[in-house]
Structures are given as C-alpha cells and as structure tokens.
N, C-alpha and C. Protein backbone atom coordinates (compact mmCIF):
# COMPACT_ATOMS: atom_id res chain seq x y z
N MET A 1 -92.22 -183.35 -115.20
CA MET A 1 -93.75 -183.34 -117.01
C MET A 1 -94.61 -183.99 -116.25
N ALA A 2 -95.64 -183.41 -115.93
CA ALA A 2 -97.40 -183.94 -115.51
C ALA A 2 -97.98 -185.01 -116.70
N ILE A 3 -98.26 -186.09 -115.70
CA ILE A 3 -98.88 -186.91 -116.55
C ILE A 3 -100.10 -186.39 -117.12
N ARG A 4 -100.88 -186.51 -118.44
CA ARG A 4 -102.02 -185.55 -118.97
C ARG A 4 -102.64 -186.94 -119.56
N ALA A 5 -102.14 -188.08 -120.06
CA ALA A 5 -102.76 -189.04 -120.45
C ALA A 5 -102.52 -190.92 -120.00
N VAL A 6 -103.61 -191.43 -119.97
CA VAL A 6 -103.28 -192.85 -119.82
C VAL A 6 -103.48 -193.61 -120.70
N VAL A 7 -102.73 -194.99 -121.47
CA VAL A 7 -103.16 -195.40 -122.39
C VAL A 7 -102.75 -197.19 -122.16
N PHE A 8 -104.23 -197.58 -122.36
CA PHE A 8 -104.33 -199.11 -121.98
C PHE A 8 -104.01 -199.87 -123.27
N ASP A 9 -103.69 -201.71 -123.06
CA ASP A 9 -103.95 -202.11 -124.16
C ASP A 9 -105.58 -203.11 -123.39
N ILE A 10 -105.64 -204.06 -124.51
CA ILE A 10 -107.38 -204.75 -124.36
C ILE A 10 -106.95 -205.65 -124.07
N GLY A 11 -106.87 -206.99 -124.92
CA GLY A 11 -106.77 -208.03 -124.77
C GLY A 11 -105.11 -208.80 -123.17
N GLY A 12 -105.89 -209.37 -122.29
CA GLY A 12 -104.70 -209.70 -121.54
C GLY A 12 -104.97 -208.76 -120.54
N VAL A 13 -105.15 -207.42 -121.08
CA VAL A 13 -105.54 -206.40 -119.86
C VAL A 13 -107.18 -206.00 -119.64
N LEU A 14 -107.23 -204.89 -120.43
CA LEU A 14 -109.15 -204.47 -120.11
C LEU A 14 -109.66 -205.91 -120.39
N GLU A 15 -109.08 -207.01 -120.83
CA GLU A 15 -110.03 -208.43 -121.39
C GLU A 15 -109.29 -209.42 -120.92
N ILE A 16 -109.78 -210.58 -120.41
CA ILE A 16 -108.91 -211.50 -119.54
C ILE A 16 -108.83 -212.43 -120.74
N THR A 17 -107.89 -212.88 -121.03
CA THR A 17 -108.03 -214.01 -122.50
C THR A 17 -106.99 -214.59 -122.22
N PRO A 18 -107.62 -216.15 -121.07
CA PRO A 18 -106.43 -216.79 -120.49
C PRO A 18 -106.26 -217.85 -122.02
N ASP A 19 -104.75 -218.06 -122.27
CA ASP A 19 -104.64 -219.35 -123.05
C ASP A 19 -105.10 -220.63 -122.92
N PRO A 20 -105.27 -221.29 -121.37
CA PRO A 20 -106.17 -222.34 -121.47
C PRO A 20 -107.15 -222.34 -122.15
N GLN A 21 -108.17 -221.77 -122.00
CA GLN A 21 -109.55 -221.38 -123.08
C GLN A 21 -109.38 -221.81 -124.17
N MET A 22 -108.23 -220.92 -125.22
CA MET A 22 -108.16 -221.14 -126.71
C MET A 22 -107.97 -222.53 -127.12
N ARG A 23 -107.02 -222.88 -126.32
CA ARG A 23 -105.95 -224.64 -126.29
C ARG A 23 -106.80 -225.22 -126.34
N ALA A 24 -108.38 -224.95 -125.28
CA ALA A 24 -109.40 -226.15 -125.44
C ALA A 24 -110.39 -226.10 -126.43
N MET A 25 -110.79 -225.00 -126.99
CA MET A 25 -111.55 -224.24 -128.03
C MET A 25 -110.59 -225.22 -129.28
N THR A 26 -109.78 -224.88 -129.52
CA THR A 26 -108.57 -226.32 -130.18
C THR A 26 -108.77 -227.10 -130.39
N ALA A 27 -109.16 -227.78 -129.12
CA ALA A 27 -108.54 -229.45 -128.74
C ALA A 27 -110.29 -229.83 -129.50
N ARG A 28 -111.41 -228.62 -128.85
CA ARG A 28 -113.10 -229.36 -129.61
C ARG A 28 -112.70 -229.29 -130.97
N TRP A 29 -112.34 -228.48 -131.45
CA TRP A 29 -112.15 -228.37 -133.07
C TRP A 29 -111.44 -229.65 -133.57
N GLU A 30 -110.16 -229.92 -133.51
CA GLU A 30 -109.48 -230.80 -133.96
C GLU A 30 -110.11 -232.50 -133.49
N ALA A 31 -110.86 -232.38 -132.50
CA ALA A 31 -111.92 -233.62 -132.15
C ALA A 31 -113.27 -233.78 -132.86
N GLN A 32 -113.66 -232.75 -133.55
CA GLN A 32 -114.70 -232.27 -134.25
C GLN A 32 -114.09 -233.17 -135.65
N LEU A 33 -113.00 -232.56 -136.31
CA LEU A 33 -112.02 -232.35 -137.17
C LEU A 33 -111.59 -234.04 -137.34
N GLY A 34 -111.37 -234.18 -136.39
CA GLY A 34 -110.78 -235.81 -136.58
C GLY A 34 -109.23 -235.65 -136.71
N LEU A 35 -108.71 -235.03 -136.16
CA LEU A 35 -106.96 -234.50 -135.98
C LEU A 35 -106.73 -234.90 -135.10
N ALA A 36 -105.65 -235.28 -134.76
CA ALA A 36 -104.56 -235.32 -133.66
C ALA A 36 -104.41 -234.51 -132.78
N PRO A 37 -104.15 -234.29 -131.34
CA PRO A 37 -103.90 -232.95 -130.79
C PRO A 37 -102.44 -232.52 -131.77
N GLY A 38 -102.27 -231.00 -131.51
CA GLY A 38 -101.74 -230.22 -132.35
C GLY A 38 -102.21 -230.08 -133.97
N GLY A 39 -103.29 -230.72 -134.31
CA GLY A 39 -103.23 -231.04 -135.87
C GLY A 39 -103.31 -229.80 -136.58
N LEU A 40 -104.29 -229.04 -135.80
CA LEU A 40 -105.06 -227.77 -136.27
C LEU A 40 -104.11 -226.80 -136.36
N ASP A 41 -103.34 -226.48 -135.11
CA ASP A 41 -102.64 -225.43 -134.96
C ASP A 41 -101.38 -225.67 -136.47
N GLU A 42 -100.95 -226.85 -136.23
CA GLU A 42 -99.98 -227.65 -137.18
C GLU A 42 -100.77 -227.08 -139.04
N ARG A 43 -101.79 -227.62 -139.28
CA ARG A 43 -102.75 -227.04 -140.33
C ARG A 43 -102.63 -225.40 -140.75
N MET A 44 -102.97 -225.25 -140.00
CA MET A 44 -102.95 -223.56 -140.25
C MET A 44 -101.39 -223.09 -140.36
N ALA A 45 -100.80 -223.24 -139.59
CA ALA A 45 -98.92 -223.20 -139.52
C ALA A 45 -98.43 -223.24 -140.65
N ARG A 46 -98.58 -224.57 -141.20
CA ARG A 46 -98.19 -225.10 -142.80
C ARG A 46 -98.46 -224.56 -143.77
N MET A 47 -99.89 -223.58 -143.80
CA MET A 47 -100.42 -223.21 -144.67
C MET A 47 -100.58 -221.68 -145.14
N GLU A 48 -99.06 -221.42 -145.68
CA GLU A 48 -98.94 -220.02 -145.87
C GLU A 48 -99.86 -219.35 -146.22
N ARG A 49 -100.86 -219.31 -147.12
CA ARG A 49 -102.47 -218.90 -146.94
C ARG A 49 -103.53 -218.10 -146.00
N MET A 50 -102.81 -219.02 -145.03
CA MET A 50 -104.03 -219.25 -143.85
C MET A 50 -103.14 -218.04 -142.86
N ALA A 51 -102.32 -218.25 -142.99
CA ALA A 51 -100.81 -217.57 -141.87
C ALA A 51 -101.01 -215.82 -142.47
N HIS A 52 -101.22 -215.85 -143.83
CA HIS A 52 -101.08 -214.71 -144.64
C HIS A 52 -102.51 -213.90 -144.38
N LEU A 53 -103.33 -214.75 -144.01
CA LEU A 53 -105.12 -214.14 -143.76
C LEU A 53 -105.25 -213.70 -141.82
N TRP A 54 -104.38 -214.74 -141.13
CA TRP A 54 -104.25 -214.31 -140.01
C TRP A 54 -103.57 -212.79 -139.50
N ARG A 55 -102.40 -212.31 -140.37
CA ARG A 55 -101.51 -211.35 -140.92
C ARG A 55 -102.53 -210.36 -141.16
N GLY A 56 -103.22 -210.45 -142.51
CA GLY A 56 -104.12 -209.48 -142.48
C GLY A 56 -104.87 -208.77 -142.01
N GLY A 57 -105.62 -210.13 -141.26
CA GLY A 57 -106.52 -209.39 -140.70
C GLY A 57 -106.03 -208.73 -139.37
N ALA A 58 -105.08 -209.01 -138.61
CA ALA A 58 -104.64 -207.90 -137.96
C ALA A 58 -104.10 -206.68 -137.96
N LEU A 59 -103.85 -206.27 -139.40
CA LEU A 59 -103.73 -205.07 -140.09
C LEU A 59 -104.57 -204.79 -141.04
N GLY A 60 -105.74 -205.07 -141.09
CA GLY A 60 -106.95 -204.51 -141.69
C GLY A 60 -106.83 -204.57 -142.96
N GLN A 61 -105.67 -205.80 -144.17
CA GLN A 61 -105.54 -206.10 -145.21
C GLN A 61 -106.91 -206.84 -145.78
N CYS A 62 -107.46 -207.49 -145.07
CA CYS A 62 -108.55 -208.75 -145.83
C CYS A 62 -109.90 -208.34 -144.75
N THR A 63 -110.98 -208.98 -144.93
CA THR A 63 -112.29 -208.71 -144.53
C THR A 63 -112.27 -210.40 -143.27
N GLU A 64 -113.54 -210.47 -142.68
CA GLU A 64 -113.62 -211.80 -141.98
C GLU A 64 -114.30 -212.67 -142.59
N ALA A 65 -114.68 -212.48 -144.12
CA ALA A 65 -115.14 -213.18 -145.19
C ALA A 65 -114.27 -214.34 -145.77
N ALA A 66 -113.10 -212.99 -145.83
CA ALA A 66 -111.72 -213.60 -147.02
C ALA A 66 -111.04 -214.65 -145.75
N VAL A 67 -111.38 -214.31 -144.52
CA VAL A 67 -110.84 -215.55 -143.19
C VAL A 67 -111.55 -216.75 -143.53
N GLU A 68 -112.69 -216.86 -143.26
CA GLU A 68 -113.82 -217.52 -143.45
C GLU A 68 -113.69 -218.28 -144.45
N LYS A 69 -113.42 -218.31 -145.80
CA LYS A 69 -113.41 -218.36 -147.25
C LYS A 69 -112.05 -219.01 -147.36
N GLY A 70 -110.80 -218.95 -146.19
CA GLY A 70 -109.60 -219.21 -146.46
C GLY A 70 -109.71 -220.13 -145.22
N LEU A 71 -110.22 -220.22 -144.76
CA LEU A 71 -110.59 -221.39 -143.13
C LEU A 71 -111.61 -223.00 -144.52
N CYS A 72 -112.22 -222.42 -145.20
CA CYS A 72 -112.21 -223.52 -146.17
C CYS A 72 -111.63 -224.21 -147.10
N GLU A 73 -110.92 -223.14 -147.97
CA GLU A 73 -109.65 -223.36 -148.80
C GLU A 73 -108.48 -224.40 -148.26
N THR A 74 -108.05 -224.06 -147.18
CA THR A 74 -106.84 -224.44 -147.27
C THR A 74 -106.83 -225.32 -145.30
N VAL A 75 -107.77 -225.17 -145.17
CA VAL A 75 -108.07 -225.89 -143.89
C VAL A 75 -108.60 -226.95 -144.49
N GLY A 76 -110.15 -226.81 -144.88
CA GLY A 76 -110.82 -227.80 -145.24
C GLY A 76 -112.06 -228.24 -144.69
N LEU A 77 -112.55 -226.91 -143.83
CA LEU A 77 -113.61 -226.80 -143.28
C LEU A 77 -115.33 -225.77 -143.94
N THR A 78 -116.00 -226.60 -143.99
CA THR A 78 -117.37 -226.32 -144.97
C THR A 78 -117.34 -224.92 -144.21
N PRO A 79 -118.55 -224.33 -145.11
CA PRO A 79 -118.48 -223.20 -144.52
C PRO A 79 -119.04 -222.63 -143.02
N GLY A 80 -119.98 -223.73 -143.16
CA GLY A 80 -120.77 -223.64 -141.92
C GLY A 80 -120.10 -223.59 -140.98
N GLN A 81 -119.31 -224.75 -140.81
CA GLN A 81 -117.84 -224.66 -139.79
C GLN A 81 -116.96 -223.64 -139.75
N ALA A 82 -116.57 -223.06 -140.98
CA ALA A 82 -115.96 -221.88 -140.51
C ALA A 82 -116.75 -220.75 -140.36
N VAL A 83 -118.07 -220.58 -140.23
CA VAL A 83 -118.53 -219.56 -139.11
C VAL A 83 -118.51 -219.87 -137.74
N ALA A 84 -119.39 -221.22 -137.75
CA ALA A 84 -118.71 -221.41 -136.62
C ALA A 84 -117.47 -221.38 -135.95
N TYR A 85 -116.70 -221.88 -136.46
CA TYR A 85 -114.95 -221.51 -135.75
C TYR A 85 -114.59 -219.91 -135.76
N MET A 86 -115.45 -219.32 -136.66
CA MET A 86 -114.84 -217.96 -136.02
C MET A 86 -115.85 -217.50 -135.02
N ALA A 87 -117.08 -217.86 -134.60
CA ALA A 87 -117.53 -217.44 -133.26
C ALA A 87 -117.07 -218.19 -132.31
N ASP A 88 -116.69 -219.12 -132.57
CA ASP A 88 -116.08 -219.97 -131.13
C ASP A 88 -114.64 -218.70 -131.17
N MET A 89 -113.45 -218.35 -132.20
CA MET A 89 -112.83 -218.22 -131.71
C MET A 89 -112.70 -216.30 -131.38
N TRP A 90 -114.21 -216.01 -131.89
CA TRP A 90 -114.71 -214.42 -131.49
C TRP A 90 -114.65 -214.57 -129.30
N THR A 91 -115.38 -216.13 -128.92
CA THR A 91 -115.87 -215.71 -127.82
C THR A 91 -115.16 -216.10 -126.87
N GLU A 92 -113.29 -216.72 -127.73
CA GLU A 92 -112.66 -216.69 -126.81
C GLU A 92 -111.14 -215.45 -126.78
N TYR A 93 -111.31 -214.70 -128.33
CA TYR A 93 -111.02 -213.83 -128.47
C TYR A 93 -111.18 -212.57 -127.34
N LEU A 94 -112.51 -211.83 -127.17
CA LEU A 94 -112.85 -211.08 -126.24
C LEU A 94 -112.71 -212.15 -124.60
N GLY A 95 -112.62 -213.24 -124.74
CA GLY A 95 -112.72 -213.10 -123.07
C GLY A 95 -113.60 -212.65 -122.29
N THR A 96 -113.63 -211.87 -121.33
CA THR A 96 -113.93 -211.76 -120.00
C THR A 96 -113.02 -210.35 -119.75
N LEU A 97 -114.98 -209.42 -119.31
CA LEU A 97 -113.92 -208.11 -119.07
C LEU A 97 -113.05 -207.86 -117.53
N ASN A 98 -112.02 -207.27 -116.84
CA ASN A 98 -111.46 -207.65 -116.02
C ASN A 98 -112.34 -205.69 -115.92
N VAL A 99 -113.01 -206.67 -114.55
CA VAL A 99 -113.80 -205.79 -114.29
C VAL A 99 -113.24 -204.36 -113.03
N GLU A 100 -112.47 -204.93 -112.34
CA GLU A 100 -111.76 -203.83 -111.65
C GLU A 100 -111.16 -203.08 -112.27
N LEU A 101 -110.47 -203.52 -113.27
CA LEU A 101 -108.94 -202.59 -113.70
C LEU A 101 -110.02 -202.02 -114.84
N ALA A 102 -110.95 -202.05 -115.57
CA ALA A 102 -112.07 -201.64 -116.04
C ALA A 102 -112.50 -200.46 -115.65
N ASP A 103 -112.88 -201.02 -114.37
CA ASP A 103 -113.89 -199.71 -113.68
C ASP A 103 -112.82 -198.99 -113.06
N TYR A 104 -111.75 -198.76 -112.79
CA TYR A 104 -110.04 -198.00 -112.26
C TYR A 104 -109.57 -197.45 -113.99
N PHE A 105 -110.02 -198.09 -115.48
CA PHE A 105 -109.56 -197.12 -116.46
C PHE A 105 -110.79 -195.61 -116.39
N ALA A 106 -111.88 -196.30 -116.51
CA ALA A 106 -112.67 -195.40 -116.39
C ALA A 106 -112.95 -194.20 -115.62
N GLY A 107 -112.52 -194.60 -114.42
CA GLY A 107 -112.36 -193.93 -113.30
C GLY A 107 -111.41 -192.73 -113.67
N LEU A 108 -110.70 -192.80 -114.30
CA LEU A 108 -109.01 -191.81 -114.80
C LEU A 108 -109.38 -190.55 -115.36
N ARG A 109 -110.69 -190.92 -116.07
CA ARG A 109 -111.12 -189.58 -117.01
C ARG A 109 -112.35 -188.81 -115.77
N PRO A 110 -112.31 -187.31 -115.43
CA PRO A 110 -111.84 -186.58 -117.13
C PRO A 110 -110.12 -185.86 -116.47
N ARG A 111 -110.20 -186.57 -115.44
CA ARG A 111 -108.42 -186.28 -115.14
C ARG A 111 -107.17 -186.29 -115.89
N TYR A 112 -107.41 -187.59 -116.55
CA TYR A 112 -106.45 -187.62 -117.32
C TYR A 112 -106.73 -188.20 -119.04
N GLN A 113 -106.67 -187.89 -120.05
CA GLN A 113 -107.13 -187.98 -121.08
C GLN A 113 -106.88 -190.23 -121.26
N THR A 114 -107.52 -190.59 -121.55
CA THR A 114 -107.61 -192.10 -121.99
C THR A 114 -107.40 -192.83 -122.92
N GLY A 115 -106.73 -193.65 -123.79
CA GLY A 115 -106.49 -193.72 -125.06
C GLY A 115 -106.71 -195.55 -124.80
N ILE A 116 -106.89 -196.40 -125.73
CA ILE A 116 -106.63 -197.70 -126.39
C ILE A 116 -105.52 -197.79 -127.02
N ILE A 117 -104.41 -198.76 -127.54
CA ILE A 117 -104.17 -199.12 -128.41
C ILE A 117 -104.10 -200.56 -127.91
N SER A 118 -104.51 -201.68 -129.29
CA SER A 118 -104.77 -202.75 -129.47
C SER A 118 -104.10 -203.39 -130.98
N ASN A 119 -103.41 -204.49 -130.61
CA ASN A 119 -103.13 -205.31 -131.96
C ASN A 119 -104.55 -205.84 -131.66
N SER A 120 -105.09 -206.20 -132.70
CA SER A 120 -106.47 -206.40 -132.87
C SER A 120 -106.71 -207.15 -133.86
N PHE A 121 -108.36 -207.40 -134.83
CA PHE A 121 -108.81 -208.72 -135.88
C PHE A 121 -109.40 -207.73 -136.13
N VAL A 122 -109.55 -207.99 -137.80
CA VAL A 122 -110.49 -207.12 -138.31
C VAL A 122 -112.16 -207.50 -138.02
N GLY A 123 -113.15 -206.95 -137.46
CA GLY A 123 -114.07 -206.97 -136.67
C GLY A 123 -114.17 -206.52 -134.77
N ALA A 124 -112.90 -206.81 -134.40
CA ALA A 124 -112.77 -206.48 -133.35
C ALA A 124 -113.40 -205.29 -132.51
N ARG A 125 -113.25 -203.72 -132.89
CA ARG A 125 -114.11 -202.69 -132.49
C ARG A 125 -115.68 -203.00 -132.43
N GLU A 126 -116.13 -203.62 -133.19
CA GLU A 126 -117.70 -203.64 -133.16
C GLU A 126 -117.94 -204.97 -132.09
N ARG A 127 -117.34 -205.90 -131.51
CA ARG A 127 -117.86 -206.81 -130.80
C ARG A 127 -117.06 -206.26 -129.65
N GLU A 128 -116.56 -205.81 -129.73
CA GLU A 128 -115.87 -204.86 -127.96
C GLU A 128 -116.69 -203.59 -127.70
N GLN A 129 -116.83 -203.28 -128.82
CA GLN A 129 -117.71 -201.84 -128.14
C GLN A 129 -119.50 -202.89 -127.35
N GLU A 130 -120.20 -203.62 -129.00
CA GLU A 130 -121.17 -203.91 -128.18
C GLU A 130 -121.10 -204.94 -127.04
N ARG A 131 -120.03 -205.65 -126.36
CA ARG A 131 -119.99 -206.30 -125.27
C ARG A 131 -119.37 -205.48 -124.18
N TYR A 132 -118.39 -204.39 -124.19
CA TYR A 132 -117.63 -204.11 -123.29
C TYR A 132 -117.97 -202.44 -123.37
N HIS A 133 -118.13 -201.98 -124.72
CA HIS A 133 -118.62 -200.49 -124.37
C HIS A 133 -117.18 -200.05 -123.91
N PHE A 134 -115.56 -199.72 -124.39
CA PHE A 134 -114.59 -199.33 -124.58
C PHE A 134 -114.80 -197.67 -124.82
N GLU A 135 -115.97 -197.70 -125.86
CA GLU A 135 -115.99 -196.01 -126.10
C GLU A 135 -116.06 -195.10 -125.15
N ARG A 136 -116.76 -195.60 -123.95
CA ARG A 136 -116.95 -194.55 -122.92
C ARG A 136 -116.23 -194.26 -121.82
N MET A 137 -114.78 -195.39 -122.08
CA MET A 137 -113.98 -195.15 -120.98
C MET A 137 -112.67 -194.50 -122.04
N ALA A 138 -112.68 -194.29 -123.14
CA ALA A 138 -111.14 -193.82 -124.27
C ALA A 138 -111.40 -193.31 -125.25
N ASP A 139 -110.37 -192.31 -125.49
CA ASP A 139 -110.98 -191.65 -126.68
C ASP A 139 -109.33 -190.83 -126.95
N PRO A 140 -108.78 -191.52 -127.75
CA PRO A 140 -109.22 -192.48 -128.76
C PRO A 140 -109.36 -194.11 -128.45
N ILE A 141 -109.48 -195.01 -129.61
CA ILE A 141 -108.79 -196.41 -129.46
C ILE A 141 -108.61 -196.44 -130.82
N ILE A 142 -107.29 -197.36 -130.64
CA ILE A 142 -106.01 -197.13 -132.14
C ILE A 142 -106.69 -198.96 -132.04
N TYR A 143 -106.79 -199.36 -133.04
CA TYR A 143 -107.08 -201.25 -133.60
C TYR A 143 -106.00 -200.73 -134.34
N SER A 144 -105.04 -201.81 -134.41
CA SER A 144 -103.69 -202.03 -135.67
C SER A 144 -104.62 -202.41 -136.83
N HIS A 145 -105.67 -203.42 -137.05
CA HIS A 145 -106.64 -203.37 -137.95
C HIS A 145 -107.35 -202.50 -138.59
N GLU A 146 -107.51 -201.19 -137.91
CA GLU A 146 -107.48 -199.41 -138.89
C GLU A 146 -106.66 -198.91 -139.29
N VAL A 147 -105.37 -198.98 -138.43
CA VAL A 147 -104.53 -198.26 -139.24
C VAL A 147 -103.66 -198.86 -139.56
N GLY A 148 -103.71 -200.16 -139.72
CA GLY A 148 -102.59 -201.03 -140.87
C GLY A 148 -101.02 -201.12 -140.20
N VAL A 149 -100.28 -201.08 -138.63
CA VAL A 149 -99.32 -200.88 -138.18
C VAL A 149 -99.96 -201.58 -136.84
N ALA A 150 -98.92 -202.54 -135.94
CA ALA A 150 -99.35 -202.98 -134.59
C ALA A 150 -98.17 -202.93 -133.80
N LYS A 151 -98.19 -203.14 -132.54
CA LYS A 151 -97.22 -202.91 -131.52
C LYS A 151 -96.01 -203.97 -132.06
N PRO A 152 -95.28 -204.16 -131.91
CA PRO A 152 -94.04 -202.60 -131.32
C PRO A 152 -93.93 -201.63 -132.09
N ASP A 153 -94.10 -201.70 -133.41
CA ASP A 153 -93.96 -200.79 -133.89
C ASP A 153 -94.26 -199.54 -133.36
N PRO A 154 -93.66 -198.78 -133.54
CA PRO A 154 -93.84 -196.73 -132.67
C PRO A 154 -94.29 -196.02 -133.51
N ARG A 155 -95.23 -196.66 -134.89
CA ARG A 155 -95.82 -195.73 -135.55
C ARG A 155 -97.28 -195.73 -135.17
N ILE A 156 -97.81 -197.14 -133.93
CA ILE A 156 -98.99 -196.82 -133.73
C ILE A 156 -99.01 -196.49 -132.31
N TYR A 157 -97.87 -196.00 -131.43
CA TYR A 157 -98.15 -195.10 -130.37
C TYR A 157 -97.87 -193.61 -131.07
N GLU A 158 -97.24 -192.96 -132.11
CA GLU A 158 -96.98 -191.64 -132.80
C GLU A 158 -98.47 -191.20 -133.13
N LEU A 159 -99.13 -192.31 -133.73
CA LEU A 159 -100.81 -192.25 -133.97
C LEU A 159 -101.16 -191.93 -132.99
N THR A 160 -101.24 -193.05 -131.96
CA THR A 160 -101.99 -191.97 -130.26
C THR A 160 -102.14 -190.93 -129.73
N ARG A 161 -100.41 -190.93 -129.70
CA ARG A 161 -100.43 -189.65 -129.59
C ARG A 161 -100.91 -188.22 -129.98
N ALA A 162 -100.68 -188.62 -131.48
CA ALA A 162 -100.99 -186.99 -132.20
C ALA A 162 -102.67 -187.28 -132.35
N SER A 163 -103.30 -188.56 -132.11
CA SER A 163 -105.35 -187.81 -131.53
C SER A 163 -105.13 -188.00 -129.91
N MET A 164 -104.58 -187.63 -129.14
CA MET A 164 -104.74 -187.22 -128.37
C MET A 164 -104.60 -186.20 -128.14
N ASN A 165 -103.56 -185.17 -128.80
CA ASN A 165 -103.44 -183.63 -128.69
C ASN A 165 -104.97 -182.98 -129.31
C-alpha cells in the first residue's frame, strides 16, 4: 500500500517546547508568590478543581476564562496575576517553531495529504495559527480541545483519517 498521507504532532515536534523553560516559568511564579520550590505545582496538584480545569481545557470542556477564574479561586492569584500567568503559560506552550521540520512537513504537499493531531488546550488553534500558520501546512488540524478526545484514544486517529478522505 502506498503512503497517501502524513500526520504530525505539534508540541515537541513542530514546536520546540523544552521542559526547562516551563520549570523556569514555574520558579519565577513561585518566587513572585512567595512559595517554596515545587509549591505552585503542589498547590495545583492538590486542588482537584484546578486539575479538573486543566483536563477540561485539554478536552474543550471549559473556557480560558474558567481556567483564569480557577487560578484565582483555587491557587489564590489575583485576576491580574491569572491573566499574566496564562500569558506566560502560552509563551511556554507555543515554544519556538522547529523551522527545519516545519519546512519539510510543508514541502510534503501536494504529493501527500498532510494533517496534524495535537493534544492541545482551549485557545491553542488561534495562537498557533497567528504565530506559525499551521493551517498552511496541513488540512486537517485536529485539536483535542475541539473534538473532546486526546491521544492515545484511537478515536482521535479515526477522526483524522475520516477527515482526510
């Protein structure tokens, strides 16, 4: 059987998102909030509502505004801090474009159909399109927060396959 389509991921593939950057962001916020190292992650982990909101954001079950409100209510951030925290989170989440791989991927068209599957977070499509224009490289782009399922659930792969026919 001939290859007809190629599907890539975004985070850690088309976007370079090194974990040390996220740890640095967390450390900055812990210092700003007067928390000991590991305190922010611990606070978020033990707050079931916050864990529910992070999961909900990944599956499209809540809005960005709900996450910001949760940061205020469960983590103790002010509204301004919640907005700033999310802005920092998006900077880290988007990382930097893996230019060499993105150029290769874009060059696969029109010989192959190209698609993207991403375990994502509510708001990712708009930010990634604005910054990286993935819609020019692939059709379809399947985001977990838009379809309500995430990898490794086989349904997300089936949705992608069906949308490529």
